[in-house]
Amino acid sequence: MPAANPATDSARINLRTSPEAKALIERAAALMGTTVSGFMLQNAYEAAQRLVTQHETITLSDRDRDTFLAALENPPEPTEALRRLMARR
């Protein structure tokens, strides 16, 4: 997680939860030897990184990768419809 300068780089996030969830989070934070805020920030940040990476990454099988690269290296001739489309302004 990127280091923050508390004097200048700080933003607040507030949330509400059930007493049961709060107690469990407090217990987990204590087991990790950190504060509730530190525990929640670290875990939320890691989950956000995973989600963004999954959203922004395309994974291809070997066959699909080879097909894609072959199409880039040897593109098909443009069709008449494509020529007309590209001629439009």
PDB file of N, CA and C in Angstrom:
ATOM      1  N   MET A   1       0.852  -1.170   0.000  1.00  0.00           N
ATOM      2  CA  MET A   1       0.000   0.000   0.000  1.00  0.00           C
ATOM      3  C   MET A   1       0.895   1.229   0.000  1.00  0.00           C
ATOM      4  N   PRO A   2       0.567   2.249  -0.788  1.00  0.00           N
ATOM      5  CA  PRO A   2       1.410   3.429  -0.820  1.00  0.00           C
ATOM      6  C   PRO A   2       1.442   4.134   0.527  1.00  0.00           C
ATOM      7  N   ALA A   3       2.609   4.645   0.867  1.00  0.00           N
ATOM      8  CA  ALA A   3       2.752   5.391   2.115  1.00  0.00           C
ATOM      9  C   ALA A   3       2.055   6.732   1.976  1.00  0.00           C
ATOM     10  N   ALA A   4       1.417   7.168   3.020  1.00  0.00           N
ATOM     11  CA  ALA A   4       0.722   8.454   3.015  1.00  0.00           C
ATOM     12  C   ALA A   4       1.392   9.380   4.014  1.00  0.00           C
ATOM     13  N   ASN A   5       1.423  10.636   3.698  1.00  0.00           N
ATOM     14  CA  ASN A   5       1.916  11.646   4.615  1.00  0.00           C
ATOM     15  C   ASN A   5       0.697  12.167   5.359  1.00  0.00           C
ATOM     16  N   PRO A   6       0.507  11.785   6.641  1.00  0.00           N
ATOM     17  CA  PRO A   6      -0.717  12.142   7.359  1.00  0.00           C
ATOM     18  C   PRO A   6      -1.004  13.637   7.396  1.00  0.00           C
ATOM     19  N   ALA A   7       0.024  14.452   7.325  1.00  0.00           N
ATOM     20  CA  ALA A   7      -0.196  15.895   7.395  1.00  0.00           C
ATOM     21  C   ALA A   7      -0.857  16.433   6.132  1.00  0.00           C
ATOM     22  N   THR A   8      -0.577  15.806   4.978  1.00  0.00           N
ATOM     23  CA  THR A   8      -1.102  16.351   3.726  1.00  0.00           C
ATOM     24  C   THR A   8      -1.943  15.367   2.927  1.00  0.00           C
ATOM     25  N   ASP A   9      -1.698  14.075   3.039  1.00  0.00           N
ATOM     26  CA  ASP A   9      -2.383  13.077   2.217  1.00  0.00           C
ATOM     27  C   ASP A   9      -3.316  12.224   3.068  1.00  0.00           C
ATOM     28  N   SER A  10      -4.445  12.775   3.416  1.00  0.00           N
ATOM     29  CA  SER A  10      -5.353  12.056   4.290  1.00  0.00           C
ATOM     30  C   SER A  10      -6.783  12.287   3.847  1.00  0.00           C
ATOM     31  N   ALA A  11      -7.559  11.216   3.825  1.00  0.00           N
ATOM     32  CA  ALA A  11      -8.983  11.313   3.501  1.00  0.00           C
ATOM     33  C   ALA A  11      -9.735  10.381   4.437  1.00  0.00           C
ATOM     34  N   ARG A  12     -10.938  10.743   4.759  1.00  0.00           N
ATOM     35  CA  ARG A  12     -11.720   9.983   5.723  1.00  0.00           C
ATOM     36  C   ARG A  12     -12.769   9.138   4.994  1.00  0.00           C
ATOM     37  N   ILE A  13     -12.968   7.922   5.487  1.00  0.00           N
ATOM     38  CA  ILE A  13     -14.049   7.049   5.043  1.00  0.00           C
ATOM     39  C   ILE A  13     -14.819   6.639   6.286  1.00  0.00           C
ATOM     40  N   ASN A  14     -16.116   6.873   6.290  1.00  0.00           N
ATOM     41  CA  ASN A  14     -16.969   6.465   7.410  1.00  0.00           C
ATOM     42  C   ASN A  14     -17.910   5.371   6.933  1.00  0.00           C
ATOM     43  N   LEU A  15     -18.221   4.452   7.822  1.00  0.00           N
ATOM     44  CA  LEU A  15     -19.199   3.421   7.476  1.00  0.00           C
ATOM     45  C   LEU A  15     -19.908   2.932   8.727  1.00  0.00           C
ATOM     46  N   ARG A  16     -21.060   2.355   8.494  1.00  0.00           N
ATOM     47  CA  ARG A  16     -21.839   1.763   9.582  1.00  0.00           C
ATOM     48  C   ARG A  16     -21.877   0.259   9.364  1.00  0.00           C
ATOM     49  N   THR A  17     -21.939  -0.474  10.472  1.00  0.00           N
ATOM     50  CA  THR A  17     -21.996  -1.931  10.378  1.00  0.00           C
ATOM     51  C   THR A  17     -22.780  -2.469  11.571  1.00  0.00           C
ATOM     52  N   SER A  18     -23.028  -3.743  11.548  1.00  0.00           N
ATOM     53  CA  SER A  18     -23.731  -4.373  12.671  1.00  0.00           C
ATOM     54  C   SER A  18     -22.758  -4.552  13.832  1.00  0.00           C
ATOM     55  N   PRO A  19     -23.299  -4.656  15.038  1.00  0.00           N
ATOM     56  CA  PRO A  19     -22.413  -4.904  16.185  1.00  0.00           C
ATOM     57  C   PRO A  19     -21.609  -6.207  16.033  1.00  0.00           C
ATOM     58  N   GLU A  20     -22.214  -7.211  15.419  1.00  0.00           N
ATOM     59  CA  GLU A  20     -21.513  -8.480  15.225  1.00  0.00           C
ATOM     60  C   GLU A  20     -20.324  -8.320  14.283  1.00  0.00           C
ATOM     61  N   ALA A  21     -20.538  -7.607  13.173  1.00  0.00           N
ATOM     62  CA  ALA A  21     -19.448  -7.391  12.218  1.00  0.00           C
ATOM     63  C   ALA A  21     -18.355  -6.560  12.862  1.00  0.00           C
ATOM     64  N   LYS A  22     -18.723  -5.545  13.618  1.00  0.00           N
ATOM     65  CA  LYS A  22     -17.735  -4.697  14.296  1.00  0.00           C
ATOM     66  C   LYS A  22     -16.898  -5.519  15.260  1.00  0.00           C
ATOM     67  N   ALA A  23     -17.542  -6.374  16.040  1.00  0.00           N
ATOM     68  CA  ALA A  23     -16.814  -7.205  17.005  1.00  0.00           C
ATOM     69  C   ALA A  23     -15.848  -8.151  16.293  1.00  0.00           C
ATOM     70  N   LEU A  24     -16.287  -8.726  15.191  1.00  0.00           N
ATOM     71  CA  LEU A  24     -15.425  -9.645  14.447  1.00  0.00           C
ATOM     72  C   LEU A  24     -14.231  -8.908  13.849  1.00  0.00           C
ATOM     73  N   ILE A  25     -14.474  -7.732  13.299  1.00  0.00           N
ATOM     74  CA  ILE A  25     -13.387  -6.927  12.727  1.00  0.00           C
ATOM     75  C   ILE A  25     -12.408  -6.511  13.818  1.00  0.00           C
ATOM     76  N   GLU A  26     -12.918  -6.107  14.972  1.00  0.00           N
ATOM     77  CA  GLU A  26     -12.039  -5.746  16.092  1.00  0.00           C
ATOM     78  C   GLU A  26     -11.191  -6.939  16.527  1.00  0.00           C
ATOM     79  N   ARG A  27     -11.788  -8.107  16.567  1.00  0.00           N
ATOM     80  CA  ARG A  27     -11.056  -9.321  16.949  1.00  0.00           C
ATOM     81  C   ARG A  27      -9.964  -9.633  15.929  1.00  0.00           C
ATOM     82  N   ALA A  28     -10.310  -9.541  14.647  1.00  0.00           N
ATOM     83  CA  ALA A  28      -9.330  -9.813  13.592  1.00  0.00           C
ATOM     84  C   ALA A  28      -8.186  -8.802  13.650  1.00  0.00           C
ATOM     85  N   ALA A  29      -8.507  -7.540  13.862  1.00  0.00           N
ATOM     86  CA  ALA A  29      -7.473  -6.512  13.955  1.00  0.00           C
ATOM     87  C   ALA A  29      -6.534  -6.804  15.124  1.00  0.00           C
ATOM     88  N   ALA A  30      -7.101  -7.203  16.245  1.00  0.00           N
ATOM     89  CA  ALA A  30      -6.281  -7.524  17.418  1.00  0.00           C
ATOM     90  C   ALA A  30      -5.370  -8.721  17.116  1.00  0.00           C
ATOM     91  N   LEU A  31      -5.899  -9.716  16.441  1.00  0.00           N
ATOM     92  CA  LEU A  31      -5.086 -10.884  16.090  1.00  0.00           C
ATOM     93  C   LEU A  31      -3.930 -10.504  15.157  1.00  0.00           C
ATOM     94  N   MET A  32      -4.149  -9.517  14.319  1.00  0.00           N
ATOM     95  CA  MET A  32      -3.103  -9.057  13.394  1.00  0.00           C
ATOM     96  C   MET A  32      -2.184  -8.039  14.055  1.00  0.00           C
ATOM     97  N   GLY A  33      -2.528  -7.605  15.262  1.00  0.00           N
ATOM     98  CA  GLY A  33      -1.700  -6.641  15.971  1.00  0.00           C
ATOM     99  C   GLY A  33      -1.770  -5.245  15.378  1.00  0.00           C
ATOM    100  N   THR A  34      -2.949  -4.887  14.876  1.00  0.00           N
ATOM    101  CA  THR A  34      -3.115  -3.578  14.266  1.00  0.00           C
ATOM    102  C   THR A  34      -4.408  -2.939  14.764  1.00  0.00           C
ATOM    103  N   THR A  35      -4.636  -1.712  14.357  1.00  0.00           N
ATOM    104  CA  THR A  35      -5.876  -1.030  14.730  1.00  0.00           C
ATOM    105  C   THR A  35      -6.990  -1.476  13.795  1.00  0.00           C
ATOM    106  N   VAL A  36      -8.216  -1.197  14.191  1.00  0.00           N
ATOM    107  CA  VAL A  36      -9.355  -1.485  13.324  1.00  0.00           C
ATOM    108  C   VAL A  36      -9.215  -0.710  12.016  1.00  0.00           C
ATOM    109  N   SER A  37      -8.856   0.563  12.122  1.00  0.00           N
ATOM    110  CA  SER A  37      -8.679   1.375  10.908  1.00  0.00           C
ATOM    111  C   SER A  37      -7.599   0.796  10.016  1.00  0.00           C
ATOM    112  N   GLY A  38      -6.480   0.422  10.608  1.00  0.00           N
ATOM    113  CA  GLY A  38      -5.385  -0.160   9.828  1.00  0.00           C
ATOM    114  C   GLY A  38      -5.786  -1.465   9.175  1.00  0.00           C
ATOM    115  N   PHE A  39      -6.491  -2.301   9.933  1.00  0.00           N
ATOM    116  CA  PHE A  39      -6.961  -3.588   9.408  1.00  0.00           C
ATOM    117  C   PHE A  39      -7.923  -3.385   8.244  1.00  0.00           C
ATOM    118  N   MET A  40      -8.887  -2.501   8.440  1.00  0.00           N
ATOM    119  CA  MET A  40      -9.888  -2.276   7.397  1.00  0.00           C
ATOM    120  C   MET A  40      -9.266  -1.628   6.164  1.00  0.00           C
ATOM    121  N   LEU A  41      -8.386  -0.666   6.360  1.00  0.00           N
ATOM    122  CA  LEU A  41      -7.752  -0.009   5.237  1.00  0.00           C
ATOM    123  C   LEU A  41      -6.922  -0.992   4.421  1.00  0.00           C
ATOM    124  N   GLN A  42      -6.104  -1.782   5.081  1.00  0.00           N
ATOM    125  CA  GLN A  42      -5.255  -2.745   4.391  1.00  0.00           C
ATOM    126  C   GLN A  42      -6.094  -3.743   3.596  1.00  0.00           C
ATOM    127  N   ASN A  43      -7.112  -4.297   4.219  1.00  0.00           N
ATOM    128  CA  ASN A  43      -7.926  -5.309   3.543  1.00  0.00           C
ATOM    129  C   ASN A  43      -8.784  -4.718   2.438  1.00  0.00           C
ATOM    130  N   ALA A  44      -9.334  -3.535   2.642  1.00  0.00           N
ATOM    131  CA  ALA A  44     -10.126  -2.889   1.596  1.00  0.00           C
ATOM    132  C   ALA A  44      -9.232  -2.509   0.419  1.00  0.00           C
ATOM    133  N   TYR A  45      -8.040  -2.015   0.708  1.00  0.00           N
ATOM    134  CA  TYR A  45      -7.104  -1.626  -0.346  1.00  0.00           C
ATOM    135  C   TYR A  45      -6.699  -2.835  -1.184  1.00  0.00           C
ATOM    136  N   GLU A  46      -6.365  -3.947  -0.529  1.00  0.00           N
ATOM    137  CA  GLU A  46      -5.972  -5.162  -1.257  1.00  0.00           C
ATOM    138  C   GLU A  46      -7.130  -5.692  -2.101  1.00  0.00           C
ATOM    139  N   ALA A  47      -8.349  -5.680  -1.557  1.00  0.00           N
ATOM    140  CA  ALA A  47      -9.513  -6.132  -2.315  1.00  0.00           C
ATOM    141  C   ALA A  47      -9.759  -5.225  -3.511  1.00  0.00           C
ATOM    142  N   ALA A  48      -9.586  -3.927  -3.325  1.00  0.00           N
ATOM    143  CA  ALA A  48      -9.773  -2.980  -4.425  1.00  0.00           C
ATOM    144  C   ALA A  48      -8.734  -3.211  -5.513  1.00  0.00           C
ATOM    145  N   GLN A  49      -7.489  -3.455  -5.130  1.00  0.00           N
ATOM    146  CA  GLN A  49      -6.442  -3.732  -6.117  1.00  0.00           C
ATOM    147  C   GLN A  49      -6.778  -4.983  -6.928  1.00  0.00           C
ATOM    148  N   ARG A  50      -7.219  -6.051  -6.259  1.00  0.00           N
ATOM    149  CA  ARG A  50      -7.573  -7.285  -6.962  1.00  0.00           C
ATOM    150  C   ARG A  50      -8.708  -7.040  -7.945  1.00  0.00           C
ATOM    151  N   LEU A  51      -9.734  -6.331  -7.514  1.00  0.00           N
ATOM    152  CA  LEU A  51     -10.895  -6.077  -8.358  1.00  0.00           C
ATOM    153  C   LEU A  51     -10.522  -5.244  -9.582  1.00  0.00           C
ATOM    154  N   VAL A  52      -9.758  -4.188  -9.375  1.00  0.00           N
ATOM    155  CA  VAL A  52      -9.355  -3.333 -10.497  1.00  0.00           C
ATOM    156  C   VAL A  52      -8.471  -4.117 -11.464  1.00  0.00           C
ATOM    157  N   THR A  53      -7.541  -4.911 -10.943  1.00  0.00           N
ATOM    158  CA  THR A  53      -6.678  -5.723 -11.798  1.00  0.00           C
ATOM    159  C   THR A  53      -7.501  -6.719 -12.609  1.00  0.00           C
ATOM    160  N   GLN A  54      -8.471  -7.379 -11.991  1.00  0.00           N
ATOM    161  CA  GLN A  54      -9.331  -8.321 -12.714  1.00  0.00           C
ATOM    162  C   GLN A  54     -10.114  -7.613 -13.806  1.00  0.00           C
ATOM    163  N   HIS A  55     -10.557  -6.404 -13.525  1.00  0.00           N
ATOM    164  CA  HIS A  55     -11.358  -5.648 -14.480  1.00  0.00           C
ATOM    165  C   HIS A  55     -10.520  -5.167 -15.664  1.00  0.00           C
ATOM    166  N   GLU A  56      -9.260  -4.859 -15.424  1.00  0.00           N
ATOM    167  CA  GLU A  56      -8.410  -4.268 -16.451  1.00  0.00           C
ATOM    168  C   GLU A  56      -7.517  -5.269 -17.171  1.00  0.00           C
ATOM    169  N   THR A  57      -7.563  -6.538 -16.796  1.00  0.00           N
ATOM    170  CA  THR A  57      -6.690  -7.543 -17.383  1.00  0.00           C
ATOM    171  C   THR A  57      -7.499  -8.523 -18.220  1.00  0.00           C
ATOM    172  N   ILE A  58      -7.011  -8.783 -19.425  1.00  0.00           N
ATOM    173  CA  ILE A  58      -7.636  -9.781 -20.290  1.00  0.00           C
ATOM    174  C   ILE A  58      -6.736 -11.008 -20.275  1.00  0.00           C
ATOM    175  N   THR A  59      -7.302 -12.149 -19.970  1.00  0.00           N
ATOM    176  CA  THR A  59      -6.544 -13.388 -19.947  1.00  0.00           C
ATOM    177  C   THR A  59      -7.015 -14.267 -21.097  1.00  0.00           C
ATOM    178  N   LEU A  60      -6.066 -14.683 -21.922  1.00  0.00           N
ATOM    179  CA  LEU A  60      -6.374 -15.518 -23.076  1.00  0.00           C
ATOM    180  C   LEU A  60      -5.748 -16.892 -22.904  1.00  0.00           C
ATOM    181  N   SER A  61      -6.398 -17.887 -23.475  1.00  0.00           N
ATOM    182  CA  SER A  61      -5.778 -19.205 -23.542  1.00  0.00           C
ATOM    183  C   SER A  61      -4.618 -19.124 -24.531  1.00  0.00           C
ATOM    184  N   ASP A  62      -3.749 -20.109 -24.534  1.00  0.00           N
ATOM    185  CA  ASP A  62      -2.638 -20.123 -25.484  1.00  0.00           C
ATOM    186  C   ASP A  62      -3.161 -20.065 -26.918  1.00  0.00           C
ATOM    187  N   ARG A  63      -4.203 -20.821 -27.200  1.00  0.00           N
ATOM    188  CA  ARG A  63      -4.780 -20.857 -28.548  1.00  0.00           C
ATOM    189  C   ARG A  63      -5.319 -19.486 -28.939  1.00  0.00           C
ATOM    190  N   ASP A  64      -6.065 -18.846 -28.027  1.00  0.00           N
ATOM    191  CA  ASP A  64      -6.624 -17.531 -28.321  1.00  0.00           C
ATOM    192  C   ASP A  64      -5.532 -16.479 -28.477  1.00  0.00           C
ATOM    193  N   ARG A  65      -4.505 -16.565 -27.656  1.00  0.00           N
ATOM    194  CA  ARG A  65      -3.383 -15.639 -27.785  1.00  0.00           C
ATOM    195  C   ARG A  65      -2.708 -15.781 -29.140  1.00  0.00           C
ATOM    196  N   ASP A  66      -2.469 -17.032 -29.548  1.00  0.00           N
ATOM    197  CA  ASP A  66      -1.828 -17.273 -30.848  1.00  0.00           C
ATOM    198  C   ASP A  66      -2.694 -16.770 -31.992  1.00  0.00           C
ATOM    199  N   THR A  67      -4.005 -16.969 -31.897  1.00  0.00           N
ATOM    200  CA  THR A  67      -4.930 -16.490 -32.929  1.00  0.00           C
ATOM    201  C   THR A  67      -4.908 -14.971 -32.996  1.00  0.00           C
ATOM    202  N   PHE A  68      -4.921 -14.325 -31.843  1.00  0.00           N
ATOM    203  CA  PHE A  68      -4.893 -12.866 -31.784  1.00  0.00           C
ATOM    204  C   PHE A  68      -3.597 -12.329 -32.390  1.00  0.00           C
ATOM    205  N   LEU A  69      -2.460 -12.889 -32.005  1.00  0.00           N
ATOM    206  CA  LEU A  69      -1.179 -12.424 -32.531  1.00  0.00           C
ATOM    207  C   LEU A  69      -1.072 -12.668 -34.028  1.00  0.00           C
ATOM    208  N   ALA A  70      -1.582 -13.793 -34.503  1.00  0.00           N
ATOM    209  CA  ALA A  70      -1.562 -14.081 -35.942  1.00  0.00           C
ATOM    210  C   ALA A  70      -2.395 -13.059 -36.704  1.00  0.00           C
ATOM    211  N   ALA A  71      -3.528 -12.670 -36.136  1.00  0.00           N
ATOM    212  CA  ALA A  71      -4.371 -11.665 -36.789  1.00  0.00           C
ATOM    213  C   ALA A  71      -3.670 -10.306 -36.832  1.00  0.00           C
ATOM    214  N   LEU A  72      -2.911  -9.979 -35.805  1.00  0.00           N
ATOM    215  CA  LEU A  72      -2.154  -8.730 -35.808  1.00  0.00           C
ATOM    216  C   LEU A  72      -1.030  -8.757 -36.846  1.00  0.00           C
ATOM    217  N   GLU A  73      -0.364  -9.902 -36.952  1.00  0.00           N
ATOM    218  CA  GLU A  73       0.757 -10.026 -37.878  1.00  0.00           C
ATOM    219  C   GLU A  73       0.303 -10.155 -39.327  1.00  0.00           C
ATOM    220  N   ASN A  74      -0.855 -10.761 -39.554  1.00  0.00           N
ATOM    221  CA  ASN A  74      -1.369 -10.994 -40.905  1.00  0.00           C
ATOM    222  C   ASN A  74      -2.831 -10.588 -40.968  1.00  0.00           C
ATOM    223  N   PRO A  75      -3.103  -9.293 -40.928  1.00  0.00           N
ATOM    224  CA  PRO A  75      -4.510  -8.875 -40.919  1.00  0.00           C
ATOM    225  C   PRO A  75      -5.192  -9.211 -42.245  1.00  0.00           C
ATOM    226  N   PRO A  76      -6.485  -9.522 -42.191  1.00  0.00           N
ATOM    227  CA  PRO A  76      -7.207  -9.807 -43.431  1.00  0.00           C
ATOM    228  C   PRO A  76      -7.365  -8.535 -44.259  1.00  0.00           C
ATOM    229  N   GLU A  77      -7.595  -8.698 -45.545  1.00  0.00           N
ATOM    230  CA  GLU A  77      -7.854  -7.560 -46.416  1.00  0.00           C
ATOM    231  C   GLU A  77      -9.154  -6.891 -45.973  1.00  0.00           C
ATOM    232  N   PRO A  78      -9.217  -5.571 -46.047  1.00  0.00           N
ATOM    233  CA  PRO A  78     -10.455  -4.896 -45.642  1.00  0.00           C
ATOM    234  C   PRO A  78     -11.602  -5.223 -46.594  1.00  0.00           C
ATOM    235  N   THR A  79     -12.767  -5.361 -46.011  1.00  0.00           N
ATOM    236  CA  THR A  79     -13.971  -5.611 -46.815  1.00  0.00           C
ATOM    237  C   THR A  79     -14.452  -4.299 -47.408  1.00  0.00           C
ATOM    238  N   GLU A  80     -15.357  -4.410 -48.379  1.00  0.00           N
ATOM    239  CA  GLU A  80     -15.927  -3.206 -48.980  1.00  0.00           C
ATOM    240  C   GLU A  80     -16.648  -2.372 -47.926  1.00  0.00           C
ATOM    241  N   ALA A  81     -17.371  -3.023 -47.019  1.00  0.00           N
ATOM    242  CA  ALA A  81     -18.084  -2.294 -45.962  1.00  0.00           C
ATOM    243  C   ALA A  81     -17.102  -1.523 -45.087  1.00  0.00           C
ATOM    244  N   LEU A  82     -15.956  -2.103 -44.784  1.00  0.00           N
ATOM    245  CA  LEU A  82     -14.945  -1.427 -43.970  1.00  0.00           C
ATOM    246  C   LEU A  82     -14.355  -0.240 -44.745  1.00  0.00           C
ATOM    247  N   ARG A  83     -14.116  -0.426 -46.040  1.00  0.00           N
ATOM    248  CA  ARG A  83     -13.595   0.683 -46.852  1.00  0.00           C
ATOM    249  C   ARG A  83     -14.576   1.857 -46.848  1.00  0.00           C
ATOM    250  N   ARG A  84     -15.860   1.558 -47.007  1.00  0.00           N
ATOM    251  CA  ARG A  84     -16.873   2.622 -47.000  1.00  0.00           C
ATOM    252  C   ARG A  84     -16.903   3.328 -45.637  1.00  0.00           C
ATOM    253  N   LEU A  85     -16.837   2.549 -44.583  1.00  0.00           N
ATOM    254  CA  LEU A  85     -16.861   3.119 -43.240  1.00  0.00           C
ATOM    255  C   LEU A  85     -15.653   4.036 -43.023  1.00  0.00           C
ATOM    256  N   MET A  86     -14.501   3.600 -43.423  1.00  0.00           N
ATOM    257  CA  MET A  86     -13.282   4.389 -43.213  1.00  0.00           C
ATOM    258  C   MET A  86     -13.252   5.631 -44.101  1.00  0.00           C
ATOM    259  N   ALA A  87     -14.004   5.614 -45.190  1.00  0.00           N
ATOM    260  CA  ALA A  87     -14.051   6.770 -46.094  1.00  0.00           C
ATOM    261  C   ALA A  87     -14.963   7.870 -45.555  1.00  0.00           C
ATOM    262  N   ARG A  88     -15.820   7.522 -44.606  1.00  0.00           N
ATOM    263  CA  ARG A  88     -16.733   8.523 -44.024  1.00  0.00           C
ATOM    264  C   ARG A  88     -15.946   9.528 -43.203  1.00  0.00           C
ATOM    265  N   ARG A  89     -16.463  10.732 -43.150  1.00  0.00           N
ATOM    266  CA  ARG A  89     -15.783  11.757 -42.354  1.00  0.00           C
ATOM    267  C   ARG A  89     -16.481  11.980 -41.077  1.00  0.00           C
TER     268      ARG A  89
END
